[in-house]
Amino acid sequence: MPSDVPLPASWRIALPRSTVAVPVARALIRTALADIEAPADSDTAELLTAELVANAVEHTRSDEPIELVVELLPTGCQVEVHDRDPAPPGDLSRPEPGSAPDPWQEHGRGLLLIRTLSSSCGHRTTEHGKAVWFTLPSRTPRS
């Protein structure tokens, strides 16, 4: 895509609060990043998006849909998942002492992946609950 053509600023998509939302969100991220020059790493974006959506589905007590917000930035992309539960997620900024995930458990690695693989991440309170987000930098174009 030529640099003089502006990119769409963002997409906001409602997803059902069910496990079907995870593969749908992955496909949406893959599509959003497919046709732009030097996008963020779509494999990493898909993985981290799946983690955020799965957490929202599993830990949100409301039956309301969740929302996926994808914003293309000049320096990469930001992905947010909005849910209706105002309770904050675990600590996205740094691991708590002694909080290493148990290698024998199925759960407990999502926030670690988000902290480790994103360039930044966090959460914020919204009017109707919270948004949990991460950013990824653009990859340099292949020559």
Protein backbone atom coordinates (compact mmCIF):
# COMPACT_ATOMS: atom_id res chain seq x y z
CA MET A 1 0.00 0.00 0.00
CA PRO A 2 1.54 3.34 -0.96
CA SER A 3 2.50 5.54 1.96
CA ASP A 4 0.36 8.48 0.71
CA VAL A 5 -2.84 6.43 1.12
CA PRO A 6 -4.17 6.71 4.69
CA LEU A 7 -4.87 3.48 6.52
CA PRO A 8 -8.23 2.88 8.13
CA ALA A 9 -7.86 4.12 11.69
CA SER A 10 -9.60 1.30 13.51
CA TRP A 11 -12.19 -1.45 13.55
CA ARG A 12 -14.62 -2.19 16.38
CA ILE A 13 -16.35 -5.56 16.20
CA ALA A 14 -18.78 -7.11 18.68
CA LEU A 15 -18.11 -10.78 19.43
CA PRO A 16 -20.28 -13.23 21.32
CA ARG A 17 -19.14 -14.06 24.84
CA SER A 18 -18.47 -17.68 23.91
CA THR A 19 -15.52 -19.78 22.81
CA VAL A 20 -16.49 -19.26 19.16
CA ALA A 21 -15.18 -15.68 19.57
CA VAL A 22 -11.55 -16.86 19.76
CA PRO A 23 -11.13 -18.24 16.20
CA VAL A 24 -13.28 -15.41 14.82
CA ALA A 25 -10.99 -12.82 16.49
CA ARG A 26 -7.89 -14.59 15.14
CA ALA A 27 -9.30 -14.49 11.60
CA LEU A 28 -10.22 -10.81 11.94
CA ILE A 29 -6.68 -9.89 13.06
CA ARG A 30 -5.14 -11.93 10.24
CA THR A 31 -7.38 -10.14 7.72
CA ALA A 32 -6.73 -6.69 9.21
CA LEU A 33 -2.95 -7.11 8.94
CA ALA A 34 -2.82 -9.03 5.63
CA ASP A 35 -2.75 -6.24 3.09
CA ILE A 36 -0.73 -3.52 4.75
CA GLU A 37 2.93 -2.91 4.09
CA ALA A 38 5.24 -3.92 6.97
CA PRO A 39 2.44 -4.93 9.35
CA ALA A 40 2.99 -6.09 12.86
CA ASP A 41 3.75 -9.81 13.09
CA SER A 42 0.34 -11.32 12.38
CA ASP A 43 1.17 -14.66 14.06
CA THR A 44 2.01 -12.86 17.30
CA ALA A 45 -1.01 -10.57 16.92
CA GLU A 46 -3.28 -13.59 16.44
CA LEU A 47 -1.84 -15.40 19.48
CA LEU A 48 -2.12 -12.40 21.81
CA THR A 49 -5.59 -11.51 20.55
CA ALA A 50 -6.72 -15.09 21.16
CA GLU A 51 -5.38 -14.84 24.73
CA LEU A 52 -7.22 -11.59 25.43
CA VAL A 53 -10.49 -12.84 23.94
CA ALA A 54 -10.26 -16.20 25.74
CA ASN A 55 -9.64 -14.40 29.05
CA ALA A 56 -12.63 -12.11 28.46
CA VAL A 57 -14.85 -15.09 27.64
CA GLU A 58 -13.66 -17.12 30.63
CA HIS A 59 -13.49 -14.44 33.32
CA THR A 60 -16.29 -12.00 32.45
CA ARG A 61 -19.45 -12.55 34.44
CA SER A 62 -21.74 -10.63 32.09
CA ASP A 63 -23.59 -12.24 29.19
CA GLU A 64 -23.04 -9.10 27.12
CA PRO A 65 -20.91 -9.40 23.98
CA ILE A 66 -17.24 -8.48 24.11
CA GLU A 67 -15.69 -6.07 21.61
CA LEU A 68 -12.52 -6.38 19.60
CA VAL A 69 -10.92 -3.08 18.64
CA VAL A 70 -8.02 -3.07 16.17
CA GLU A 71 -6.17 0.16 15.49
CA LEU A 72 -3.52 0.45 12.82
CA LEU A 73 -0.83 2.88 13.89
CA PRO A 74 2.05 4.36 11.89
CA THR A 75 4.35 2.36 14.17
CA GLY A 76 2.39 -0.92 14.30
CA CYS A 77 -0.97 -1.89 15.72
CA GLN A 78 -2.91 -1.84 18.96
CA VAL A 79 -5.49 -4.46 19.85
CA GLU A 80 -8.04 -4.01 22.63
CA VAL A 81 -10.65 -6.37 24.02
CA HIS A 82 -13.53 -4.65 25.84
CA ASP A 83 -15.75 -6.49 28.29
CA ARG A 84 -18.43 -5.51 30.79
CA ASP A 85 -16.55 -6.66 33.91
CA PRO A 86 -14.81 -3.71 35.63
CA ALA A 87 -12.49 -6.03 37.61
CA PRO A 88 -8.91 -5.59 36.40
CA PRO A 89 -7.04 -8.52 34.87
CA GLY A 90 -3.90 -9.86 36.50
CA ASP A 91 -0.82 -7.64 36.45
CA LEU A 92 0.16 -6.95 32.85
CA SER A 93 3.11 -4.72 33.70
CA ARG A 94 5.31 -7.12 35.61
CA PRO A 95 5.07 -10.60 37.12
CA GLU A 96 4.42 -10.82 40.82
CA PRO A 97 7.13 -12.55 42.89
CA GLY A 98 6.60 -16.29 42.89
CA SER A 99 3.94 -16.07 40.18
CA ALA A 100 5.68 -18.17 37.53
CA PRO A 101 3.11 -20.35 35.76
CA ASP A 102 3.01 -24.01 36.73
CA PRO A 103 4.30 -25.93 33.68
CA TRP A 104 1.82 -28.74 34.39
CA GLN A 105 -1.30 -26.55 34.35
CA GLU A 106 -3.36 -25.68 31.27
CA HIS A 107 -3.95 -22.09 32.38
CA GLY A 108 -1.79 -19.25 33.64
CA ARG A 109 0.44 -18.37 30.69
CA GLY A 110 -1.73 -15.86 28.80
CA LEU A 111 -0.67 -12.71 30.63
CA LEU A 112 2.95 -13.89 30.57
CA LEU A 113 2.74 -14.22 26.77
CA ILE A 114 1.16 -10.79 26.44
CA ARG A 115 3.79 -9.16 28.68
CA THR A 116 6.64 -10.92 26.90
CA LEU A 117 5.65 -10.67 23.24
CA SER A 118 4.03 -7.23 23.04
CA SER A 119 5.89 -3.93 22.96
CA SER A 120 3.45 -2.62 25.59
CA CYS A 121 0.25 -3.74 27.26
CA GLY A 122 -2.18 -2.76 29.96
CA HIS A 123 -5.79 -2.21 30.87
CA ARG A 124 -8.07 0.72 31.52
CA THR A 125 -11.51 1.28 32.94
CA THR A 126 -14.22 2.12 30.40
CA GLU A 127 -17.73 3.49 30.83
CA HIS A 128 -19.14 -0.05 30.68
CA GLY A 129 -16.32 -2.21 32.12
CA LYS A 130 -12.71 -2.43 31.01
CA ALA A 131 -10.42 -2.66 28.00
CA VAL A 132 -7.32 -4.85 28.00
CA TRP A 133 -4.82 -4.00 25.28
CA PHE A 134 -1.44 -4.67 23.72
CA THR A 135 0.64 -3.03 20.99
CA LEU A 136 2.99 -4.58 18.48
CA PRO A 137 5.53 -2.72 16.37
CA SER A 138 5.58 -2.87 12.57
CA ARG A 139 7.97 -5.28 11.03
CA THR A 140 10.53 -3.82 8.68
CA PRO A 141 9.63 -4.58 5.05
CA ARG A 142 11.32 -7.58 3.52
CA SER A 143 13.71 -6.80 0.69
